[in-house]
C-alpha atoms as a PDB file:
ATOM      1  CA  TRP A   1      12.540  -5.090  18.852  1.00  0.00           C
ATOM      2  CA  VAL A   2      14.272  -2.667  16.707  1.00  0.00           C
ATOM      3  CA  LEU A   3      16.489  -3.125  14.526  1.00  0.00           C
ATOM      4  CA  LYS A   4      18.641  -1.963  11.294  1.00  0.00           C
ATOM      5  CA  LEU A   5      18.785  -3.731   7.420  1.00  0.00           C
ATOM      6  CA  ASP A   6      21.146  -2.948   5.041  1.00  0.00           C
ATOM      7  CA  SER A   7      20.102  -2.705   1.612  1.00  0.00           C
ATOM      8  CA  ASP A   8      20.166  -6.013   1.276  1.00  0.00           C
ATOM      9  CA  GLY A   9      17.705  -7.075   3.901  1.00  0.00           C
ATOM     10  CA  GLU A  10      20.816  -8.255   6.327  1.00  0.00           C
ATOM     11  CA  VAL A  11      20.702  -7.007  10.106  1.00  0.00           C
ATOM     12  CA  VAL A  12      23.249  -4.239  11.182  1.00  0.00           C
ATOM     13  CA  TRP A  13      22.001  -3.918  14.269  1.00  0.00           C
ATOM     14  CA  LEU A  14      18.935  -5.335  16.673  1.00  0.00           C
ATOM     15  CA  LYS A  15      18.184  -4.623  19.577  1.00  0.00           C
ATOM     16  CA  LYS A  16      15.419  -6.668  21.841  1.00  0.00           C
ATOM     17  CA  GLU A  17      15.391  -4.477  24.952  1.00  0.00           C
ATOM     18  CA  TYR A  18      13.085  -1.717  22.666  1.00  0.00           C
ATOM     19  CA  GLY A  19       9.959  -2.171  20.701  1.00  0.00           C
ATOM     20  CA  GLY A  20       9.296   0.580  18.508  1.00  0.00           C
ATOM     21  CA  SER A  21       5.767   1.910  16.665  1.00  0.00           C
ATOM     22  CA  ALA A  22       6.884   5.225  14.788  1.00  0.00           C
ATOM     23  CA  VAL A  23      10.221   5.557  13.993  1.00  0.00           C
ATOM     24  CA  VAL A  24      11.669   9.352  12.632  1.00  0.00           C
ATOM     25  CA  PRO A  25      15.118   9.604  10.947  1.00  0.00           C
ATOM     26  CA  VAL A  26      17.332  11.822  11.970  1.00  0.00           C
ATOM     27  CA  ALA A  27      20.590  13.784   9.549  1.00  0.00           C
ATOM     28  CA  ASP A  28      23.112  12.773  11.955  1.00  0.00           C
ATOM     29  CA  GLY A  29      21.224   8.715  10.983  1.00  0.00           C
ATOM     30  CA  GLY A  30      20.173   7.785  13.528  1.00  0.00           C
ATOM     31  CA  PHE A  31      16.463   7.455  14.796  1.00  0.00           C
ATOM     32  CA  VAL A  32      14.098   8.807  17.019  1.00  0.00           C
ATOM     33  CA  ILE A  33      11.371   6.200  18.481  1.00  0.00           C
ATOM     34  CA  MET A  34       8.478   5.839  19.961  1.00  0.00           C
ATOM     35  CA  GLY A  35       7.621   2.426  21.646  1.00  0.00           C
ATOM     36  CA  THR A  36       9.448   1.013  24.403  1.00  0.00           C
ATOM     37  CA  LYS A  37      12.136   0.073  26.555  1.00  0.00           C
ATOM     38  CA  ASN A  38      12.172  -3.018  28.096  1.00  0.00           C
ATOM     39  CA  ASP A  39       8.177  -3.145  27.902  1.00  0.00           C
ATOM     40  CA  ALA A  40       8.262   0.732  29.593  1.00  0.00           C
ATOM     41  CA  PRO A  41       6.662   3.411  26.980  1.00  0.00           C
ATOM     42  CA  GLY A  42       8.936   5.936  26.246  1.00  0.00           C
ATOM     43  CA  ILE A  43      10.254   7.878  22.862  1.00  0.00           C
ATOM     44  CA  PHE A  44      14.543   7.338  22.370  1.00  0.00           C
ATOM     45  CA  LYS A  45      16.629   7.994  20.317  1.00  0.00           C
ATOM     46  CA  LEU A  46      19.638   5.575  18.639  1.00  0.00           C
ATOM     47  CA  ASP A  47      22.161   6.388  16.858  1.00  0.00           C
ATOM     48  CA  SER A  48      23.330   4.961  13.431  1.00  0.00           C
ATOM     49  CA  ASP A  49      24.805   2.208  15.398  1.00  0.00           C
ATOM     50  CA  GLY A  50      21.631   1.867  17.577  1.00  0.00           C
ATOM     51  CA  ASN A  51      23.121   3.597  20.942  1.00  0.00           C
ATOM     52  CA  GLU A  52      20.964   5.259  23.254  1.00  0.00           C
ATOM     53  CA  GLN A  53      21.576   8.092  22.927  1.00  0.00           C
ATOM     54  CA  TRP A  54      18.967   9.537  24.790  1.00  0.00           C
ATOM     55  CA  TYR A  55      15.742   7.760  26.530  1.00  0.00           C
ATOM     56  CA  GLN A  56      12.343   9.896  27.423  1.00  0.00           C
ATOM     57  CA  PRO A  57      10.660   7.971  29.809  1.00  0.00           C
ATOM     58  CA  MET A  58       6.631   8.132  29.760  1.00  0.00           C
ATOM     59  CA  ALA A  59       6.068   6.576  33.614  1.00  0.00           C
ATOM     60  CA  GLN A  60       4.478   9.543  34.916  1.00  0.00           C
ATOM     61  CA  TRP A  61       1.250   9.761  32.283  1.00  0.00           C
ATOM     62  CA  TYR A  62       0.668   5.913  33.002  1.00  0.00           C
ATOM     63  CA  GLN A  63       0.648   2.914  35.172  1.00  0.00           C
ATOM     64  CA  ALA A  64       1.016  -0.713  35.910  1.00  0.00           C
ATOM     65  CA  THR A  65      -3.050  -1.320  34.482  1.00  0.00           C
ATOM     66  CA  ASP A  66      -2.575   0.511  31.244  1.00  0.00           C
ATOM     67  CA  ALA A  67      -2.534  -0.430  27.591  1.00  0.00           C
ATOM     68  CA  VAL A  68      -0.026   2.182  26.031  1.00  0.00           C
ATOM     69  CA  ASP A  69      -0.046   2.320  22.225  1.00  0.00           C
ATOM     70  CA  GLN A  70       1.831   5.144  20.142  1.00  0.00           C
ATOM     71  CA  ALA A  71       0.295   5.888  17.000  1.00  0.00           C
ATOM     72  CA  ASP A  72       2.339   8.683  15.811  1.00  0.00           C
ATOM     73  CA  LEU A  73       5.672  10.464  16.005  1.00  0.00           C
ATOM     74  CA  ILE A  74       6.661  13.883  13.588  1.00  0.00           C
ATOM     75  CA  ALA A  75       9.622  15.551  13.624  1.00  0.00           C
ATOM     76  CA  SER A  76       8.596  19.228  14.540  1.00  0.00           C
ATOM     77  CA  GLY A  77      11.420  21.499  13.969  1.00  0.00           C
ATOM     78  CA  GLU A  78      14.754  21.172  14.650  1.00  0.00           C
ATOM     79  CA  GLY A  79      15.618  18.751  17.129  1.00  0.00           C
ATOM     80  CA  ALA A  80      12.126  19.126  17.975  1.00  0.00           C
ATOM     81  CA  TYR A  81       9.406  16.060  18.088  1.00  0.00           C
ATOM     82  CA  ALA A  82       5.193  15.411  18.255  1.00  0.00           C
ATOM     83  CA  GLY A  83       3.392  12.737  19.005  1.00  0.00           C
ATOM     84  CA  VAL A  84       0.127  11.221  19.689  1.00  0.00           C
ATOM     85  CA  ILE A  85       0.034   8.749  22.336  1.00  0.00           C
ATOM     86  CA  ASN A  86      -3.324   6.087  23.149  1.00  0.00           C
ATOM     87  CA  ARG A  87      -4.155   4.917  26.547  1.00  0.00           C
ATOM     88  CA  ASN A  88      -6.324   2.166  27.661  1.00  0.00           C
ATOM     89  CA  ASP A  89      -6.855   2.028  31.719  1.00  0.00           C
ATOM     90  CA  LEU A  90      -7.687  -1.704  31.778  1.00  0.00           C
ATOM     91  CA  SER A  91      -8.959  -0.621  35.642  1.00  0.00           C
ATOM     92  CA  THR A  92     -11.491   2.034  34.478  1.00  0.00           C
ATOM     93  CA  ARG A  93     -11.879   1.097  31.446  1.00  0.00           C
ATOM     94  CA  THR A  94     -11.417   4.881  29.973  1.00  0.00           C
ATOM     95  CA  TYR A  95      -9.774   5.942  27.022  1.00  0.00           C
ATOM     96  CA  GLU A  96      -6.868   8.888  26.703  1.00  0.00           C
ATOM     97  CA  ASN A  97      -5.480  11.061  23.787  1.00  0.00           C
ATOM     98  CA  LEU A  98      -2.412  11.992  24.426  1.00  0.00           C
ATOM     99  CA  LEU A  99      -0.346  15.069  22.560  1.00  0.00           C
ATOM    100  CA  VAL A 100       3.585  15.505  23.815  1.00  0.00           C
ATOM    101  CA  MET A 101       6.241  17.564  22.504  1.00  0.00           C
ATOM    102  CA  LEU A 102       9.316  17.075  23.217  1.00  0.00           C
ATOM    103  CA  SER A 103      13.067  18.749  22.218  1.00  0.00           C
ATOM    104  CA  ASP A 104      16.021  16.917  21.802  1.00  0.00           C
ATOM    105  CA  ARG A 105      18.769  18.708  23.294  1.00  0.00           C
ATOM    106  CA  ASP A 106      22.809  17.766  23.889  1.00  0.00           C
ATOM    107  CA  THR A 107      21.663  16.715  27.023  1.00  0.00           C
ATOM    108  CA  GLY A 108      19.040  14.375  26.874  1.00  0.00           C
ATOM    109  CA  ALA A 109      15.064  15.100  25.521  1.00  0.00           C
ATOM    110  CA  ASP A 110      12.859  17.673  27.756  1.00  0.00           C
ATOM    111  CA  ILE A 111       9.240  16.904  27.174  1.00  0.00           C
ATOM    112  CA  ASP A 112       8.187  21.132  26.197  1.00  0.00           C
ATOM    113  CA  TRP A 113       4.777  20.371  26.473  1.00  0.00           C
ATOM    114  CA  PHE A 114       1.772  17.063  27.067  1.00  0.00           C
ATOM    115  CA  ARG A 115      -1.700  17.331  26.736  1.00  0.00           C
ATOM    116  CA  VAL A 116      -4.287  14.559  27.778  1.00  0.00           C
ATOM    117  CA  PHE A 117      -7.896  15.135  25.245  1.00  0.00           C
ATOM    118  CA  SER A 118     -10.688  13.110  24.759  1.00  0.00           C
ATOM    119  CA  ARG A 119     -10.934  10.796  27.880  1.00  0.00           C
ATOM    120  CA  ALA A 120     -14.236   8.739  27.705  1.00  0.00           C
ATOM    121  CA  ASP A 121     -15.080   5.199  28.188  1.00  0.00           C
ATOM    122  CA  TYR A 122     -13.950   2.289  26.148  1.00  0.00           C
ATOM    123  CA  TYR A 123     -16.540   1.950  23.634  1.00  0.00           C
ATOM    124  CA  ASP A 124     -16.946   5.963  23.011  1.00  0.00           C
ATOM    125  CA  ALA A 125     -12.912   6.313  23.145  1.00  0.00           C
ATOM    126  CA  ILE A 126     -11.186   8.536  20.222  1.00  0.00           C
ATOM    127  CA  ASP A 127      -8.617   6.748  18.204  1.00  0.00           C
ATOM    128  CA  TYR A 128      -5.919   9.374  17.367  1.00  0.00           C
ATOM    129  CA  ARG A 129      -3.377   7.591  14.466  1.00  0.00           C
ATOM    130  CA  ALA A 130      -1.836  10.055  12.475  1.00  0.00           C
ATOM    131  CA  LEU A 131      -0.500  13.801  13.859  1.00  0.00           C
ATOM    132  CA  LEU A 132       0.498  16.191  10.657  1.00  0.00           C
ATOM    133  CA  PRO A 133       2.068  19.611  11.234  1.00  0.00           C
ATOM    134  CA  ALA A 134      -1.110  22.185  10.186  1.00  0.00           C
ATOM    135  CA  PRO A 135      -0.625  26.071   8.325  1.00  0.00           C
ATOM    136  CA  GLY A 136       0.351  28.249  10.165  1.00  0.00           C
ATOM    137  CA  GLY A 137       1.921  26.382  12.839  1.00  0.00           C
ATOM    138  CA  GLY A 138       0.043  23.546  15.473  1.00  0.00           C
ATOM    139  CA  TYR A 139      -0.980  20.303  14.346  1.00  0.00           C
ATOM    140  CA  TRP A 140      -3.499  18.000  12.811  1.00  0.00           C
ATOM    141  CA  ALA A 141      -4.285  15.277  15.002  1.00  0.00           C
ATOM    142  CA  ALA A 142      -6.830  12.351  12.690  1.00  0.00           C
ATOM    143  CA  GLY A 143      -8.574   9.322  14.441  1.00  0.00           C
ATOM    144  CA  THR A 144     -11.578   7.082  14.348  1.00  0.00           C
ATOM    145  CA  THR A 145     -14.529   7.056  16.887  1.00  0.00           C
ATOM    146  CA  GLY A 146     -15.641   3.481  18.416  1.00  0.00           C
ATOM    147  CA  ALA A 147     -18.909   4.419  16.162  1.00  0.00           C
ATOM    148  CA  ASP A 148     -16.492   4.416  12.531  1.00  0.00           C
ATOM    149  CA  LEU A 149     -16.905   8.264  12.257  1.00  0.00           C
ATOM    150  CA  ILE A 150     -13.296   9.785  10.904  1.00  0.00           C
ATOM    151  CA  CYS A 151     -12.694  12.613  14.063  1.00  0.00           C
ATOM    152  CA  ILE A 152      -9.918  15.231  12.989  1.00  0.00           C
ATOM    153  CA  LEU A 153      -8.541  17.457  16.060  1.00  0.00           C
ATOM    154  CA  ARG A 154      -6.613  20.994  15.544  1.00  0.00           C
ATOM    155  CA  VAL A 155      -4.137  22.553  18.335  1.00  0.00           C
ATOM    156  CA  ASP A 156      -1.492  24.956  18.219  1.00  0.00           C
ATOM    157  CA  SER A 157       1.429  24.871  18.686  1.00  0.00           C
ATOM    158  CA  ASP A 158       1.692  24.765  22.516  1.00  0.00           C
ATOM    159  CA  GLY A 159      -0.958  21.838  22.438  1.00  0.00           C
ATOM    160  CA  ASN A 160      -3.953  24.170  23.274  1.00  0.00           C
ATOM    161  CA  ALA A 161      -7.201  22.387  21.505  1.00  0.00           C
ATOM    162  CA  LEU A 162      -8.855  25.071  19.255  1.00  0.00           C
ATOM    163  CA  SER A 163     -12.063  23.958  18.819  1.00  0.00           C
ATOM    164  CA  VAL A 164     -14.337  22.975  21.557  1.00  0.00           C
ATOM    165  CA  SER A 165     -14.873  19.228  20.600  1.00  0.00           C
ATOM    166  CA  PRO A 166     -13.164  17.483  16.986  1.00  0.00           C
ATOM    167  CA  ARG A 167     -14.649  17.595  13.550  1.00  0.00           C
ATOM    168  CA  LEU A 168     -16.651  14.219  12.695  1.00  0.00           C
ATOM    169  CA  ILE A 169     -16.566  13.000   9.400  1.00  0.00           C
ATOM    170  CA  GLY A 170     -18.511   9.820   7.912  1.00  0.00           C
ATOM    171  CA  GLY A 171     -16.776   6.897   7.579  1.00  0.00           C
ATOM    172  CA  GLY A 172     -13.097   5.152   8.952  1.00  0.00           C
ATOM    173  CA  LEU A 173      -9.541   5.950   8.774  1.00  0.00           C
ATOM    174  CA  GLU A 174      -9.517   1.517   7.736  1.00  0.00           C
ATOM    175  CA  ARG A 175     -10.594   2.951   4.126  1.00  0.00           C
ATOM    176  CA  HIS A 176      -9.081   6.587   4.285  1.00  0.00           C
ATOM    177  CA  SER A 177      -5.531   7.374   4.223  1.00  0.00           C
ATOM    178  CA  VAL A 178      -4.298  10.482   6.179  1.00  0.00           C
ATOM    179  CA  GLN A 179      -1.641  12.739   3.934  1.00  0.00           C
ATOM    180  CA  ASP A 180      -0.018  15.798   3.952  1.00  0.00           C
ATOM    181  CA  ALA A 181      -1.422  17.434   0.666  1.00  0.00           C
ATOM    182  CA  ALA A 182       0.876  20.967   1.417  1.00  0.00           C
END
């Protein structure tokens, strides 16, 4: 469910058909949310009254046998949003990471690009959990591996990896916090 509370914790509105794991407040009082609509993964915008402004389904990237974990969504300039999504194909036991960039237009949301990174078997997968803007443009994606290592991947503003493989650092994210120090 997606709901909005007032300052006293009372429910202002509640939408049972939506679910969200990453929320970005918008200047007009609404929200851009990475999550689900009727159990289908997507990114959507709700206005301040909870009315859908647009919905961008992710069906072109996922199948019914997938377990989808929308990990993080950030504002990336005026009306633009970047997200990191983890996909587990339960039929083949493979794991993928997707980075997506979309733009909020008057007519809805348009996908500017998406990239697939880190296809692996389930136990060797990288699980990206945080996305941050990088100095000079592009993004840092941070996550962990099954071997409890922190993984850092840098991509440019078009979503292209700037290194052949992500950097691995000892110790998992469950004991660390990823913050923008700028």
